[in-house]
Amino acid sequence: MKRNDIIDFKALEKELQAALTADEKGIVLASHLKPLEQKDKIGGKRTVPWNCHAIQGRPSQDETTEISPEKTLLQPETSAEFYRDWRRYLRSGSERYEALLQLGGPKLGRLFQMDVGFGLLGEMLMALADHVRPADRWVVLGILRSLASTGRFTLNLSLMSHAERESCRSLFQKLQAMGTPSLEGRGLGEQPGGLQEEESLLQELLRLYRVD
């Protein structure tokens, strides 16, 4: 055996010991890591740093990471998406009312061209009845007109509960009592088609929604 082929066991032992020491340090550092939890992914405040050894010496504001979920606007592209968001994100009547105004009559008419869906029509009317404002009168009339043009509207109207029918009646009573607000008071930048057209639309909707 040549001299160059002689194995230096002492050198190998030193290299092995160095590798084991490095592994031990890595394990110690990794033990300080905190796994992601569900609340870290969707929001809330995370006060535990990812690796306390790796970020020592940094400013204190870097040690706390806050994840704030943004308020998502309702932007459904299908009736199924609307129904999902309506149930999941819009819990209060005021939130539902603002969402209906945000979408407007034309968009709602396109979403529910085939059918509003059982129970949903009544819930919409209740939200409108509880939160309608004089400044939104023209917009609300547009929403009611679009809903009345959806598929199976008459059937869905007949399936409403007693409470929903009462809300529908209350809504139209409020719309009648409000009269026509001034141009400056109209909400969402909607422009009227004139006093006569607006009142004519209201009378037509009273007939379509079967309000005496």
C-alpha atoms as a PDB file:
ATOM      1  CA  MET A   1       0.000   0.000   0.000  1.00  0.00           C
ATOM      2  CA  LYS A   2       1.345   3.421  -0.964  1.00  0.00           C
ATOM      3  CA  ARG A   3       1.764   6.172   1.649  1.00  0.00           C
ATOM      4  CA  ASN A   4      -0.869   8.343  -0.060  1.00  0.00           C
ATOM      5  CA  ASP A   5      -3.409   5.516   0.266  1.00  0.00           C
ATOM      6  CA  ILE A   6      -3.104   5.326   4.062  1.00  0.00           C
ATOM      7  CA  ILE A   7      -6.404   6.374   5.728  1.00  0.00           C
ATOM      8  CA  ASP A   8      -6.011   9.127   8.340  1.00  0.00           C
ATOM      9  CA  PHE A   9      -8.533   7.988  10.923  1.00  0.00           C
ATOM     10  CA  LYS A  10      -7.793  10.910  13.244  1.00  0.00           C
ATOM     11  CA  ALA A  11      -8.652  13.423  10.496  1.00  0.00           C
ATOM     12  CA  LEU A  12     -11.851  11.552   9.671  1.00  0.00           C
ATOM     13  CA  GLU A  13     -12.818  11.507  13.338  1.00  0.00           C
ATOM     14  CA  LYS A  14     -12.353  15.294  13.571  1.00  0.00           C
ATOM     15  CA  GLU A  15     -14.492  15.862  10.473  1.00  0.00           C
ATOM     16  CA  LEU A  16     -17.236  13.582  11.817  1.00  0.00           C
ATOM     17  CA  GLN A  17     -17.220  15.347  15.179  1.00  0.00           C
ATOM     18  CA  ALA A  18     -17.463  18.731  13.472  1.00  0.00           C
ATOM     19  CA  ALA A  19     -20.424  17.533  11.405  1.00  0.00           C
ATOM     20  CA  LEU A  20     -22.213  16.197  14.486  1.00  0.00           C
ATOM     21  CA  THR A  21     -21.645  19.477  16.314  1.00  0.00           C
ATOM     22  CA  ALA A  22     -23.107  21.430  13.386  1.00  0.00           C
ATOM     23  CA  ASP A  23     -26.155  19.166  13.304  1.00  0.00           C
ATOM     24  CA  GLU A  24     -26.722  19.658  17.027  1.00  0.00           C
ATOM     25  CA  LYS A  25     -26.623  23.447  16.587  1.00  0.00           C
ATOM     26  CA  GLY A  26     -29.125  23.207  13.744  1.00  0.00           C
ATOM     27  CA  ILE A  27     -31.486  21.134  15.873  1.00  0.00           C
ATOM     28  CA  VAL A  28     -31.261  23.633  18.734  1.00  0.00           C
ATOM     29  CA  LEU A  29     -32.016  26.541  16.417  1.00  0.00           C
ATOM     30  CA  ALA A  30     -34.874  24.695  14.751  1.00  0.00           C
ATOM     31  CA  SER A  31     -36.443  23.917  18.118  1.00  0.00           C
ATOM     32  CA  HIS A  32     -37.219  27.618  18.494  1.00  0.00           C
ATOM     33  CA  LEU A  33     -39.277  27.725  15.324  1.00  0.00           C
ATOM     34  CA  LYS A  34     -43.043  27.864  15.739  1.00  0.00           C
ATOM     35  CA  PRO A  35     -45.168  26.118  13.079  1.00  0.00           C
ATOM     36  CA  LEU A  36     -47.849  28.058  11.247  1.00  0.00           C
ATOM     37  CA  GLU A  37     -51.275  27.923  12.805  1.00  0.00           C
ATOM     38  CA  GLN A  38     -54.608  28.581  11.130  1.00  0.00           C
ATOM     39  CA  LYS A  39     -54.930  32.015  12.745  1.00  0.00           C
ATOM     40  CA  ASP A  40     -51.507  32.988  11.332  1.00  0.00           C
ATOM     41  CA  LYS A  41     -52.731  32.288   7.823  1.00  0.00           C
ATOM     42  CA  ILE A  42     -56.025  34.117   7.844  1.00  0.00           C
ATOM     43  CA  GLY A  43     -55.446  36.984  10.219  1.00  0.00           C
ATOM     44  CA  GLY A  44     -54.760  38.045  13.763  1.00  0.00           C
ATOM     45  CA  LYS A  45     -51.611  39.113  15.534  1.00  0.00           C
ATOM     46  CA  ARG A  46     -48.563  36.891  15.750  1.00  0.00           C
ATOM     47  CA  THR A  47     -46.172  37.975  18.513  1.00  0.00           C
ATOM     48  CA  VAL A  48     -43.795  34.992  18.437  1.00  0.00           C
ATOM     49  CA  PRO A  49     -40.836  35.493  16.060  1.00  0.00           C
ATOM     50  CA  TRP A  50     -40.088  32.833  13.488  1.00  0.00           C
ATOM     51  CA  ASN A  51     -36.565  32.295  14.796  1.00  0.00           C
ATOM     52  CA  CYS A  52     -35.464  34.196  17.878  1.00  0.00           C
ATOM     53  CA  HIS A  53     -31.784  33.386  17.279  1.00  0.00           C
ATOM     54  CA  ALA A  54     -31.818  34.492  13.659  1.00  0.00           C
ATOM     55  CA  ILE A  55     -33.330  37.924  14.302  1.00  0.00           C
ATOM     56  CA  GLN A  56     -31.492  38.976  17.474  1.00  0.00           C
ATOM     57  CA  GLY A  57     -30.386  42.566  17.250  1.00  0.00           C
ATOM     58  CA  ARG A  58     -33.186  43.667  14.933  1.00  0.00           C
ATOM     59  CA  PRO A  59     -35.520  46.515  15.941  1.00  0.00           C
ATOM     60  CA  SER A  60     -38.375  45.427  18.178  1.00  0.00           C
ATOM     61  CA  GLN A  61     -41.022  46.332  15.600  1.00  0.00           C
ATOM     62  CA  ASP A  62     -39.724  43.564  13.335  1.00  0.00           C
ATOM     63  CA  GLU A  63     -40.323  40.966  16.027  1.00  0.00           C
ATOM     64  CA  THR A  64     -44.091  41.349  15.828  1.00  0.00           C
ATOM     65  CA  THR A  65     -45.894  40.644  12.596  1.00  0.00           C
ATOM     66  CA  GLU A  66     -49.533  41.580  12.255  1.00  0.00           C
ATOM     67  CA  ILE A  67     -51.700  40.103   9.522  1.00  0.00           C
ATOM     68  CA  SER A  68     -54.902  42.046   9.064  1.00  0.00           C
ATOM     69  CA  PRO A  69     -57.539  40.584   6.773  1.00  0.00           C
ATOM     70  CA  GLU A  70     -58.806  43.220   4.357  1.00  0.00           C
ATOM     71  CA  LYS A  71     -62.479  43.918   4.049  1.00  0.00           C
ATOM     72  CA  THR A  72     -63.499  42.241   0.859  1.00  0.00           C
ATOM     73  CA  LEU A  73     -66.068  43.893  -1.355  1.00  0.00           C
ATOM     74  CA  LEU A  74     -68.809  41.680  -2.677  1.00  0.00           C
ATOM     75  CA  GLN A  75     -67.905  40.986  -6.311  1.00  0.00           C
ATOM     76  CA  PRO A  76     -69.675  37.771  -7.344  1.00  0.00           C
ATOM     77  CA  GLU A  77     -69.649  36.675 -10.956  1.00  0.00           C
ATOM     78  CA  THR A  78     -72.357  34.038 -10.625  1.00  0.00           C
ATOM     79  CA  SER A  79     -75.494  33.564  -8.562  1.00  0.00           C
ATOM     80  CA  ALA A  80     -73.765  30.725  -6.695  1.00  0.00           C
ATOM     81  CA  GLU A  81     -70.907  33.024  -5.686  1.00  0.00           C
ATOM     82  CA  PHE A  82     -73.390  35.646  -4.542  1.00  0.00           C
ATOM     83  CA  TYR A  83     -75.286  33.126  -2.415  1.00  0.00           C
ATOM     84  CA  ARG A  84     -72.035  31.867  -0.859  1.00  0.00           C
ATOM     85  CA  ASP A  85     -70.788  35.362  -0.012  1.00  0.00           C
ATOM     86  CA  TRP A  86     -74.230  36.456   1.186  1.00  0.00           C
ATOM     87  CA  ARG A  87     -74.284  33.610   3.693  1.00  0.00           C
ATOM     88  CA  ARG A  88     -70.613  33.604   4.664  1.00  0.00           C
ATOM     89  CA  TYR A  89     -69.583  37.247   4.855  1.00  0.00           C
ATOM     90  CA  LEU A  90     -72.744  39.326   5.133  1.00  0.00           C
ATOM     91  CA  ARG A  91     -74.222  38.509   8.503  1.00  0.00           C
ATOM     92  CA  SER A  92     -75.970  41.749   9.469  1.00  0.00           C
ATOM     93  CA  GLY A  93     -78.836  43.434   7.676  1.00  0.00           C
ATOM     94  CA  SER A  94     -76.872  46.644   7.197  1.00  0.00           C
ATOM     95  CA  GLU A  95     -74.017  44.759   5.505  1.00  0.00           C
ATOM     96  CA  ARG A  96     -76.467  43.059   3.173  1.00  0.00           C
ATOM     97  CA  TYR A  97     -78.159  46.354   2.378  1.00  0.00           C
ATOM     98  CA  GLU A  98     -74.868  48.041   1.481  1.00  0.00           C
ATOM     99  CA  ALA A  99     -73.864  45.051  -0.646  1.00  0.00           C
ATOM    100  CA  LEU A 100     -77.106  45.250  -2.626  1.00  0.00           C
ATOM    101  CA  LEU A 101     -76.572  48.963  -3.227  1.00  0.00           C
ATOM    102  CA  GLN A 102     -72.966  48.315  -4.210  1.00  0.00           C
ATOM    103  CA  LEU A 103     -73.952  45.763  -6.857  1.00  0.00           C
ATOM    104  CA  GLY A 104     -76.959  47.723  -8.094  1.00  0.00           C
ATOM    105  CA  GLY A 105     -79.987  46.612 -10.048  1.00  0.00           C
ATOM    106  CA  PRO A 106     -78.339  45.832 -13.418  1.00  0.00           C
ATOM    107  CA  LYS A 107     -75.696  43.540 -11.882  1.00  0.00           C
ATOM    108  CA  LEU A 108     -78.251  41.743  -9.720  1.00  0.00           C
ATOM    109  CA  GLY A 109     -80.480  41.262 -12.752  1.00  0.00           C
ATOM    110  CA  ARG A 110     -77.630  39.579 -14.647  1.00  0.00           C
ATOM    111  CA  LEU A 111     -76.648  37.380 -11.702  1.00  0.00           C
ATOM    112  CA  PHE A 112     -80.184  36.104 -11.170  1.00  0.00           C
ATOM    113  CA  GLN A 113     -81.405  36.072 -14.738  1.00  0.00           C
ATOM    114  CA  MET A 114     -82.505  32.444 -14.385  1.00  0.00           C
ATOM    115  CA  ASP A 115     -83.729  32.398 -10.792  1.00  0.00           C
ATOM    116  CA  VAL A 116     -83.186  34.245  -7.518  1.00  0.00           C
ATOM    117  CA  GLY A 117     -83.342  31.066  -5.495  1.00  0.00           C
ATOM    118  CA  PHE A 118     -85.613  29.904  -2.718  1.00  0.00           C
ATOM    119  CA  GLY A 119     -85.516  32.154   0.351  1.00  0.00           C
ATOM    120  CA  LEU A 120     -83.060  34.656  -1.067  1.00  0.00           C
ATOM    121  CA  LEU A 121     -85.638  37.052  -2.490  1.00  0.00           C
ATOM    122  CA  GLY A 122     -87.291  37.434   0.902  1.00  0.00           C
ATOM    123  CA  GLU A 123     -83.959  38.033   2.625  1.00  0.00           C
ATOM    124  CA  MET A 124     -83.085  40.756   0.130  1.00  0.00           C
ATOM    125  CA  LEU A 125     -86.422  42.488   0.622  1.00  0.00           C
ATOM    126  CA  MET A 126     -86.026  42.357   4.405  1.00  0.00           C
ATOM    127  CA  ALA A 127     -82.572  43.944   4.209  1.00  0.00           C
ATOM    128  CA  LEU A 128     -83.905  46.686   1.946  1.00  0.00           C
ATOM    129  CA  ALA A 129     -86.944  47.314   4.146  1.00  0.00           C
ATOM    130  CA  ASP A 130     -84.938  47.597   7.358  1.00  0.00           C
ATOM    131  CA  HIS A 131     -82.276  49.969   6.036  1.00  0.00           C
ATOM    132  CA  VAL A 132     -83.675  51.925   3.094  1.00  0.00           C
ATOM    133  CA  ARG A 133     -82.786  55.628   3.134  1.00  0.00           C
ATOM    134  CA  PRO A 134     -84.401  58.513   1.242  1.00  0.00           C
ATOM    135  CA  ALA A 135     -81.147  59.204  -0.606  1.00  0.00           C
ATOM    136  CA  ASP A 136     -81.137  55.606  -1.899  1.00  0.00           C
ATOM    137  CA  ARG A 137     -84.739  55.574  -3.098  1.00  0.00           C
ATOM    138  CA  TRP A 138     -83.961  55.595  -6.827  1.00  0.00           C
ATOM    139  CA  VAL A 139     -81.293  52.902  -6.447  1.00  0.00           C
ATOM    140  CA  VAL A 140     -83.619  50.668  -4.433  1.00  0.00           C
ATOM    141  CA  LEU A 141     -86.354  51.050  -7.042  1.00  0.00           C
ATOM    142  CA  GLY A 142     -83.849  49.923  -9.659  1.00  0.00           C
ATOM    143  CA  ILE A 143     -82.939  46.881  -7.583  1.00  0.00           C
ATOM    144  CA  LEU A 144     -86.594  45.952  -7.157  1.00  0.00           C
ATOM    145  CA  ARG A 145     -87.195  46.312 -10.881  1.00  0.00           C
ATOM    146  CA  SER A 146     -84.251  44.033 -11.716  1.00  0.00           C
ATOM    147  CA  LEU A 147     -85.342  41.386  -9.211  1.00  0.00           C
ATOM    148  CA  ALA A 148     -88.866  41.445 -10.637  1.00  0.00           C
ATOM    149  CA  SER A 149     -87.454  40.631 -14.074  1.00  0.00           C
ATOM    150  CA  THR A 150     -85.637  37.484 -12.919  1.00  0.00           C
ATOM    151  CA  GLY A 151     -86.780  33.981 -13.769  1.00  0.00           C
ATOM    152  CA  ARG A 152     -89.566  32.425 -11.693  1.00  0.00           C
ATOM    153  CA  PHE A 153     -90.048  35.693  -9.831  1.00  0.00           C
ATOM    154  CA  THR A 154     -93.771  35.123  -9.346  1.00  0.00           C
ATOM    155  CA  LEU A 155     -93.126  31.667  -7.885  1.00  0.00           C
ATOM    156  CA  ASN A 156     -90.422  32.937  -5.523  1.00  0.00           C
ATOM    157  CA  LEU A 157     -92.713  35.753  -4.443  1.00  0.00           C
ATOM    158  CA  SER A 158     -95.484  33.301  -3.586  1.00  0.00           C
ATOM    159  CA  LEU A 159     -93.085  31.176  -1.511  1.00  0.00           C
ATOM    160  CA  MET A 160     -92.069  34.000   0.807  1.00  0.00           C
ATOM    161  CA  SER A 161     -92.880  33.652   4.483  1.00  0.00           C
ATOM    162  CA  HIS A 162     -95.388  35.856   6.275  1.00  0.00           C
ATOM    163  CA  ALA A 163     -92.568  37.912   7.828  1.00  0.00           C
ATOM    164  CA  GLU A 164     -90.957  38.407   4.423  1.00  0.00           C
ATOM    165  CA  ARG A 165     -94.242  39.531   2.870  1.00  0.00           C
ATOM    166  CA  GLU A 166     -94.728  42.003   5.706  1.00  0.00           C
ATOM    167  CA  SER A 167     -91.210  43.353   5.103  1.00  0.00           C
ATOM    168  CA  CYS A 168     -92.015  43.721   1.417  1.00  0.00           C
ATOM    169  CA  ARG A 169     -95.149  45.690   2.250  1.00  0.00           C
ATOM    170  CA  SER A 170     -93.225  47.829   4.743  1.00  0.00           C
ATOM    171  CA  LEU A 171     -90.548  48.551   2.145  1.00  0.00           C
ATOM    172  CA  PHE A 172     -93.034  49.901  -0.368  1.00  0.00           C
ATOM    173  CA  GLN A 173     -94.782  51.944   2.303  1.00  0.00           C
ATOM    174  CA  LYS A 174     -91.471  53.574   3.162  1.00  0.00           C
ATOM    175  CA  LEU A 175     -90.693  54.211  -0.509  1.00  0.00           C
ATOM    176  CA  GLN A 176     -94.077  55.851  -0.978  1.00  0.00           C
ATOM    177  CA  ALA A 177     -93.657  57.988   2.138  1.00  0.00           C
ATOM    178  CA  MET A 178     -90.192  59.135   1.127  1.00  0.00           C
ATOM    179  CA  GLY A 179     -91.354  60.784  -2.052  1.00  0.00           C
ATOM    180  CA  THR A 180     -88.666  61.884  -4.476  1.00  0.00           C
ATOM    181  CA  PRO A 181     -85.455  63.263  -2.924  1.00  0.00           C
ATOM    182  CA  SER A 182     -83.531  66.102  -4.478  1.00  0.00           C
ATOM    183  CA  LEU A 183     -80.799  65.471  -7.019  1.00  0.00           C
ATOM    184  CA  GLU A 184     -78.119  66.302  -4.445  1.00  0.00           C
ATOM    185  CA  GLY A 185     -79.462  63.665  -2.085  1.00  0.00           C
ATOM    186  CA  ARG A 186     -79.348  60.707  -4.454  1.00  0.00           C
ATOM    187  CA  GLY A 187     -77.007  57.894  -3.509  1.00  0.00           C
ATOM    188  CA  LEU A 188     -74.282  56.184  -5.543  1.00  0.00           C
ATOM    189  CA  GLY A 189     -74.383  58.759  -8.308  1.00  0.00           C
ATOM    190  CA  GLU A 190     -77.625  57.434  -9.774  1.00  0.00           C
ATOM    191  CA  GLN A 191     -79.498  59.832 -12.039  1.00  0.00           C
ATOM    192  CA  PRO A 192     -83.304  59.853 -12.161  1.00  0.00           C
ATOM    193  CA  GLY A 193     -85.347  59.603 -15.289  1.00  0.00           C
ATOM    194  CA  GLY A 194     -87.653  62.318 -14.009  1.00  0.00           C
ATOM    195  CA  LEU A 195     -90.339  62.527 -11.364  1.00  0.00           C
ATOM    196  CA  GLN A 196     -93.019  61.053 -13.589  1.00  0.00           C
ATOM    197  CA  GLU A 197     -90.890  58.064 -14.586  1.00  0.00           C
ATOM    198  CA  GLU A 198     -89.920  57.349 -10.988  1.00  0.00           C
ATOM    199  CA  GLU A 199     -93.464  57.429  -9.700  1.00  0.00           C
ATOM    200  CA  SER A 200     -94.616  55.347 -12.649  1.00  0.00           C
ATOM    201  CA  LEU A 201     -91.961  52.761 -11.813  1.00  0.00           C
ATOM    202  CA  LEU A 202     -93.090  52.667  -8.195  1.00  0.00           C
ATOM    203  CA  GLN A 203     -96.689  51.978  -9.229  1.00  0.00           C
ATOM    204  CA  GLU A 204     -95.547  49.213 -11.571  1.00  0.00           C
ATOM    205  CA  LEU A 205     -93.495  47.599  -8.805  1.00  0.00           C
ATOM    206  CA  LEU A 206     -96.435  47.734  -6.414  1.00  0.00           C
ATOM    207  CA  ARG A 207     -98.362  45.650  -8.913  1.00  0.00           C
ATOM    208  CA  LEU A 208     -95.514  43.208  -9.603  1.00  0.00           C
ATOM    209  CA  TYR A 209     -94.826  42.628  -5.912  1.00  0.00           C
ATOM    210  CA  ARG A 210     -98.560  42.320  -5.212  1.00  0.00           C
ATOM    211  CA  VAL A 211     -98.607  45.048  -2.605  1.00  0.00           C
ATOM    212  CA  ASP A 212    -102.068  46.430  -1.945  1.00  0.00           C
END
